[in-house]
Amino acid sequence: MTKVIKYMLAVMVVAVMFICPNTYALETGQNINVSPRNESMITPYGTSKPDKGTIWSWSNGGCPISGLATNVSLYTNYNFSSVTSLGIEFTSNTFDTQVELWEVDGGTLYFDKKVATKTVYTISSADESNGVTRSIRFNNLNASSKYYLKFLAPASFTATVTP
């Protein structure tokens, strides 16, 4: 009986790996200050939006971020606070990337609230080699609130978050 159960478990694990191949292939060390969040029930690395107490210190300057994801969203590893606006300057961006700004505990019943969504357009390799950048800014923020960023897949970028 136990051999049958072990066999069935092994078959299920292999099936999940074929159904969700990118779930296991995204933790490659290419992401800097962003983490993939698996949108399915399986979270092999336990990554998700940042903990409420994890806040970027602006005394360190801007927050460098870099990420690569084909099928899952990326989240900043830090919350950003004490800001009335938040800017992101992209020095490379392979896809047209949608960026969402979320307020921690800003919604009904203390759920996080999506504040805004902006699109950052692709930077060609020729433009990138010529120093072309793309920037977006979220304005009119509450300085006493905490915010984090979510990058919708597909995403492949290098950027800096600034107040």
Foldseek 3Di string as FASTA:
>chain_A
DVVVVVVVVVVVVVVVCVVCVQLPVFPPVQWFQKDWDDPDPDNPVPDDAEDPPFADDCVVPWGKTWGAGAATKIKGNHWYAQDQKKKKKWLFKAAFKKKWKWWQLPDPPRHIDTDDIDTWHGQDPVNSVVRDITMDMDHRDDRHIIMMMMIHPRIGTIITMGD
